[in-house]
């Protein structure tokens, strides 16, 4: 059972780091300027989240370290929720701006 949990933590760490890599790849392809800071913020958050999964394996049962990891992971989840809110805000603003531009041009 313990091996399964360790494997699951390692896979989670790999997943979050791979997701960060995908976003970095997308950034290098050229992302609209409105989303650049959001993408960098999300990449940093995913890297910290992924590394915390590996750290969980390393610290084992050290209660002080487990508490610190809990705080880090909670902050990462909050940061990811903030990134989603940021994305929604920017995309809604861009839609509103595009509609206003069309109505200003008489379309």
N, C-alpha and C. Protein backbone atom coordinates (compact mmCIF):
# COMPACT_ATOMS: atom_id res chain seq x y z
N UNK A 1 0.82 -1.20 0.00
CA UNK A 1 0.00 0.00 0.00
C UNK A 1 0.86 1.26 0.00
N UNK A 2 1.93 1.24 0.80
CA UNK A 2 2.82 2.40 0.87
C UNK A 2 3.50 2.65 -0.48
N UNK A 3 3.88 1.57 -1.16
CA UNK A 3 4.50 1.72 -2.47
C UNK A 3 3.54 2.38 -3.45
N UNK A 4 2.28 2.05 -3.35
CA UNK A 4 1.27 2.65 -4.23
C UNK A 4 1.16 4.15 -3.98
N UNK A 5 1.18 4.56 -2.73
CA UNK A 5 1.11 5.99 -2.40
C UNK A 5 2.35 6.73 -2.88
N UNK A 6 3.51 6.12 -2.72
CA UNK A 6 4.76 6.74 -3.19
C UNK A 6 4.73 6.88 -4.70
N UNK A 7 4.30 5.84 -5.39
CA UNK A 7 4.18 5.89 -6.85
C UNK A 7 3.20 6.96 -7.27
N UNK A 8 2.07 7.06 -6.58
CA UNK A 8 1.07 8.08 -6.89
C UNK A 8 1.64 9.48 -6.71
N UNK A 9 2.38 9.71 -5.62
CA UNK A 9 3.01 11.02 -5.39
C UNK A 9 4.01 11.35 -6.49
N UNK A 10 4.80 10.36 -6.88
CA UNK A 10 5.79 10.59 -7.94
C UNK A 10 5.09 10.92 -9.26
N UNK A 11 4.03 10.19 -9.56
CA UNK A 11 3.28 10.46 -10.80
C UNK A 11 2.64 11.84 -10.77
N UNK A 12 2.15 12.25 -9.61
CA UNK A 12 1.60 13.60 -9.48
C UNK A 12 2.67 14.65 -9.73
N UNK A 13 3.83 14.45 -9.15
CA UNK A 13 4.94 15.39 -9.36
C UNK A 13 5.31 15.49 -10.83
N UNK A 14 5.40 14.35 -11.48
CA UNK A 14 5.72 14.33 -12.91
C UNK A 14 4.61 15.03 -13.70
N UNK A 15 3.36 14.79 -13.34
CA UNK A 15 2.24 15.41 -14.04
C UNK A 15 2.29 16.93 -13.95
N UNK A 16 2.48 17.48 -12.74
CA UNK A 16 2.49 18.94 -12.57
C UNK A 16 3.68 19.56 -13.30
N UNK A 17 4.83 18.91 -13.24
CA UNK A 17 6.00 19.44 -13.95
C UNK A 17 5.82 19.33 -15.46
N UNK A 18 5.20 18.26 -15.93
CA UNK A 18 4.93 18.12 -17.37
C UNK A 18 3.95 19.19 -17.83
N UNK A 19 2.95 19.46 -17.02
CA UNK A 19 1.98 20.51 -17.37
C UNK A 19 2.68 21.87 -17.44
N UNK A 20 3.59 22.13 -16.52
CA UNK A 20 4.37 23.38 -16.57
C UNK A 20 5.20 23.43 -17.86
N UNK A 21 5.79 22.30 -18.23
CA UNK A 21 6.59 22.24 -19.46
C UNK A 21 5.72 22.53 -20.69
N UNK A 22 4.52 22.00 -20.72
CA UNK A 22 3.61 22.24 -21.84
C UNK A 22 3.30 23.74 -21.96
N UNK A 23 3.07 24.39 -20.83
CA UNK A 23 2.78 25.82 -20.85
C UNK A 23 4.00 26.60 -21.32
N UNK A 24 5.20 26.20 -20.88
CA UNK A 24 6.43 26.86 -21.34
C UNK A 24 6.57 26.69 -22.85
N UNK A 25 6.30 25.49 -23.35
CA UNK A 25 6.35 25.24 -24.79
C UNK A 25 5.37 26.15 -25.51
N UNK A 26 4.17 26.29 -24.97
CA UNK A 26 3.16 27.16 -25.55
C UNK A 26 3.63 28.61 -25.53
N UNK A 27 4.29 29.03 -24.45
CA UNK A 27 4.83 30.38 -24.36
C UNK A 27 5.86 30.64 -25.45
N UNK A 28 6.70 29.67 -25.72
CA UNK A 28 7.74 29.84 -26.73
C UNK A 28 7.15 29.90 -28.13
N UNK A 29 5.97 29.35 -28.32
CA UNK A 29 5.31 29.40 -29.62
C UNK A 29 4.70 30.78 -29.88
N UNK A 30 4.57 31.55 -28.83
CA UNK A 30 3.98 32.88 -28.94
C UNK A 30 2.57 32.89 -28.39
N UNK A 31 2.41 33.57 -27.32
CA UNK A 31 1.12 33.66 -26.66
C UNK A 31 0.71 35.13 -26.69
N UNK A 32 -0.58 35.43 -26.78
CA UNK A 32 -0.99 36.83 -26.77
C UNK A 32 -0.45 37.55 -25.53
N UNK A 33 -0.09 38.79 -25.70
CA UNK A 33 0.54 39.56 -24.64
C UNK A 33 -0.30 39.58 -23.37
N UNK A 34 -1.62 39.58 -23.49
CA UNK A 34 -2.49 39.64 -22.33
C UNK A 34 -2.32 38.42 -21.42
N UNK A 35 -1.83 37.31 -21.99
CA UNK A 35 -1.73 36.07 -21.23
C UNK A 35 -0.31 35.72 -20.80
N UNK A 36 0.69 36.53 -21.16
CA UNK A 36 2.08 36.18 -20.84
C UNK A 36 2.34 36.08 -19.34
N UNK A 37 1.95 37.10 -18.59
CA UNK A 37 2.20 37.08 -17.15
C UNK A 37 1.40 35.96 -16.47
N UNK A 38 0.19 35.74 -16.95
CA UNK A 38 -0.63 34.66 -16.41
C UNK A 38 0.05 33.32 -16.62
N UNK A 39 0.58 33.11 -17.82
CA UNK A 39 1.25 31.84 -18.12
C UNK A 39 2.50 31.65 -17.26
N UNK A 40 3.30 32.70 -17.10
CA UNK A 40 4.50 32.59 -16.26
C UNK A 40 4.13 32.32 -14.80
N UNK A 41 3.11 33.00 -14.31
CA UNK A 41 2.62 32.80 -12.94
C UNK A 41 2.17 31.34 -12.75
N UNK A 42 1.46 30.83 -13.74
CA UNK A 42 0.96 29.46 -13.66
C UNK A 42 2.11 28.46 -13.72
N UNK A 43 3.09 28.71 -14.56
CA UNK A 43 4.24 27.81 -14.66
C UNK A 43 4.98 27.74 -13.32
N UNK A 44 5.25 28.89 -12.73
CA UNK A 44 5.94 28.89 -11.44
C UNK A 44 5.14 28.16 -10.37
N UNK A 45 3.84 28.36 -10.36
CA UNK A 45 2.99 27.67 -9.39
C UNK A 45 3.03 26.16 -9.60
N UNK A 46 2.94 25.73 -10.86
CA UNK A 46 2.96 24.29 -11.15
C UNK A 46 4.30 23.66 -10.81
N UNK A 47 5.38 24.39 -11.03
CA UNK A 47 6.71 23.86 -10.67
C UNK A 47 6.81 23.66 -9.16
N UNK A 48 6.38 24.66 -8.40
CA UNK A 48 6.44 24.54 -6.93
C UNK A 48 5.54 23.39 -6.47
N UNK A 49 4.35 23.29 -7.07
CA UNK A 49 3.42 22.22 -6.70
C UNK A 49 4.01 20.85 -7.02
N UNK A 50 4.61 20.72 -8.20
CA UNK A 50 5.23 19.45 -8.59
C UNK A 50 6.40 19.08 -7.69
N UNK A 51 7.25 20.05 -7.39
CA UNK A 51 8.38 19.78 -6.52
C UNK A 51 7.93 19.43 -5.10
N UNK A 52 6.81 19.99 -4.67
CA UNK A 52 6.30 19.65 -3.33
C UNK A 52 5.86 18.18 -3.26
N UNK A 53 5.44 17.63 -4.39
CA UNK A 53 5.09 16.20 -4.42
C UNK A 53 6.34 15.35 -4.19
N UNK A 54 7.45 15.73 -4.83
CA UNK A 54 8.69 14.99 -4.62
C UNK A 54 9.21 15.20 -3.20
N UNK A 55 9.05 16.40 -2.68
CA UNK A 55 9.50 16.69 -1.31
C UNK A 55 8.72 15.86 -0.31
N UNK A 56 7.46 15.61 -0.59
CA UNK A 56 6.65 14.78 0.31
C UNK A 56 7.24 13.39 0.45
N UNK A 57 7.75 12.86 -0.64
CA UNK A 57 8.41 11.55 -0.60
C UNK A 57 9.70 11.62 0.21
N UNK A 58 10.44 12.70 0.05
CA UNK A 58 11.74 12.82 0.70
C UNK A 58 11.61 12.99 2.22
N UNK A 59 10.65 13.80 2.68
CA UNK A 59 10.56 14.10 4.11
C UNK A 59 9.98 12.96 4.92
N UNK A 60 9.23 12.10 4.30
CA UNK A 60 8.69 10.95 5.03
C UNK A 60 7.69 11.36 6.09
N UNK A 61 7.93 10.97 7.35
CA UNK A 61 6.99 11.20 8.44
C UNK A 61 7.37 12.36 9.35
N UNK A 62 8.27 13.22 8.94
CA UNK A 62 8.67 14.37 9.74
C UNK A 62 7.48 15.35 9.81
N UNK A 63 6.88 15.45 11.00
CA UNK A 63 5.65 16.22 11.15
C UNK A 63 5.84 17.71 10.83
N UNK A 64 6.96 18.29 11.21
CA UNK A 64 7.21 19.70 10.91
C UNK A 64 7.27 19.92 9.40
N UNK A 65 7.94 19.02 8.69
CA UNK A 65 8.04 19.13 7.24
C UNK A 65 6.69 18.88 6.58
N UNK A 66 5.92 17.95 7.13
CA UNK A 66 4.60 17.67 6.56
C UNK A 66 3.70 18.90 6.71
N UNK A 67 3.78 19.57 7.86
CA UNK A 67 3.00 20.79 8.06
C UNK A 67 3.43 21.87 7.05
N UNK A 68 4.73 22.01 6.84
CA UNK A 68 5.23 23.00 5.88
C UNK A 68 4.75 22.67 4.47
N UNK A 69 4.79 21.39 4.10
CA UNK A 69 4.30 20.98 2.78
C UNK A 69 2.81 21.26 2.64
N UNK A 70 2.07 21.04 3.72
CA UNK A 70 0.64 21.33 3.69
C UNK A 70 0.40 22.81 3.39
N UNK A 71 1.17 23.67 4.04
CA UNK A 71 1.04 25.11 3.81
C UNK A 71 1.41 25.46 2.37
N UNK A 72 2.51 24.89 1.88
CA UNK A 72 2.94 25.16 0.51
C UNK A 72 1.89 24.70 -0.49
N UNK A 73 1.36 23.49 -0.29
CA UNK A 73 0.36 22.97 -1.22
C UNK A 73 -0.93 23.78 -1.16
N UNK A 74 -1.31 24.22 0.03
CA UNK A 74 -2.50 25.06 0.16
C UNK A 74 -2.31 26.38 -0.60
N UNK A 75 -1.13 26.97 -0.47
CA UNK A 75 -0.84 28.21 -1.20
C UNK A 75 -0.82 27.97 -2.71
N UNK A 76 -0.31 26.82 -3.13
CA UNK A 76 -0.31 26.50 -4.56
C UNK A 76 -1.73 26.33 -5.10
N UNK A 77 -2.58 25.67 -4.33
CA UNK A 77 -3.97 25.51 -4.76
C UNK A 77 -4.66 26.86 -4.85
N UNK A 78 -4.40 27.72 -3.86
CA UNK A 78 -4.94 29.08 -3.91
C UNK A 78 -4.41 29.82 -5.13
N UNK A 79 -3.11 29.66 -5.43
CA UNK A 79 -2.51 30.33 -6.59
C UNK A 79 -3.10 29.81 -7.90
N UNK A 80 -3.36 28.51 -7.98
CA UNK A 80 -3.98 27.96 -9.20
C UNK A 80 -5.41 28.46 -9.35
N UNK A 81 -6.14 28.56 -8.24
CA UNK A 81 -7.49 29.11 -8.31
C UNK A 81 -7.45 30.58 -8.74
N UNK A 82 -6.45 31.30 -8.27
CA UNK A 82 -6.27 32.70 -8.68
C UNK A 82 -5.96 32.77 -10.16
N UNK A 83 -5.14 31.85 -10.66
CA UNK A 83 -4.81 31.83 -12.09
C UNK A 83 -6.05 31.58 -12.94
N UNK A 84 -6.92 30.69 -12.49
CA UNK A 84 -8.17 30.44 -13.22
C UNK A 84 -9.03 31.71 -13.23
N UNK A 85 -9.14 32.37 -12.08
CA UNK A 85 -9.90 33.61 -12.02
C UNK A 85 -9.29 34.68 -12.90
N UNK A 86 -7.98 34.77 -12.91
CA UNK A 86 -7.26 35.73 -13.75
C UNK A 86 -7.56 35.45 -15.23
N UNK A 87 -7.50 34.17 -15.62
CA UNK A 87 -7.79 33.78 -17.00
C UNK A 87 -9.21 34.16 -17.39
N UNK A 88 -10.16 33.88 -16.53
CA UNK A 88 -11.56 34.21 -16.82
C UNK A 88 -11.70 35.73 -16.97
N UNK A 89 -11.08 36.48 -16.08
CA UNK A 89 -11.16 37.94 -16.13
C UNK A 89 -10.58 38.47 -17.45
N UNK A 90 -9.39 38.00 -17.82
CA UNK A 90 -8.75 38.49 -19.04
C UNK A 90 -9.55 38.10 -20.27
N UNK A 91 -10.03 36.86 -20.32
CA UNK A 91 -10.77 36.42 -21.51
C UNK A 91 -12.11 37.15 -21.63
N UNK A 92 -12.79 37.39 -20.51
CA UNK A 92 -14.04 38.16 -20.58
C UNK A 92 -13.78 39.60 -20.99
N UNK A 93 -12.69 40.18 -20.49
CA UNK A 93 -12.34 41.56 -20.87
C UNK A 93 -12.05 41.63 -22.37
N UNK A 94 -11.31 40.64 -22.88
CA UNK A 94 -10.99 40.64 -24.31
C UNK A 94 -12.25 40.48 -25.16
N UNK A 95 -13.16 39.63 -24.73
CA UNK A 95 -14.43 39.48 -25.46
C UNK A 95 -15.22 40.77 -25.47
N UNK A 96 -15.29 41.41 -24.31
CA UNK A 96 -16.01 42.69 -24.20
C UNK A 96 -15.36 43.74 -25.09
N UNK A 97 -14.04 43.79 -25.09
CA UNK A 97 -13.33 44.77 -25.92
C UNK A 97 -13.55 44.50 -27.40
N UNK A 98 -13.58 43.23 -27.80
CA UNK A 98 -13.81 42.89 -29.20
C UNK A 98 -15.23 43.28 -29.62
N UNK A 99 -16.20 43.02 -28.76
CA UNK A 99 -17.58 43.41 -29.08
C UNK A 99 -17.73 44.91 -29.20
N UNK A 100 -17.10 45.62 -28.28
CA UNK A 100 -17.16 47.08 -28.30
C UNK A 100 -16.50 47.61 -29.57
N UNK A 101 -15.40 47.00 -29.99
CA UNK A 101 -14.70 47.41 -31.20
C UNK A 101 -15.60 47.19 -32.41
N UNK A 102 -16.30 46.05 -32.44
CA UNK A 102 -17.21 45.78 -33.57
C UNK A 102 -18.37 46.77 -33.59
N UNK A 103 -18.93 47.08 -32.43
CA UNK A 103 -20.06 48.02 -32.39
C UNK A 103 -19.61 49.43 -32.71
N UNK A 104 -18.38 49.80 -32.35
CA UNK A 104 -17.86 51.13 -32.67
C UNK A 104 -17.63 51.31 -34.16
N UNK A 105 -17.38 50.18 -34.83
CA UNK A 105 -17.13 50.23 -36.28
C UNK A 105 -18.41 50.01 -37.09
N UNK A 106 -19.54 49.91 -36.41
CA UNK A 106 -20.83 49.76 -37.10
C UNK A 106 -21.09 48.38 -37.64
N UNK A 107 -20.47 47.37 -37.07
CA UNK A 107 -20.68 46.01 -37.55
C UNK A 107 -21.77 45.36 -36.73
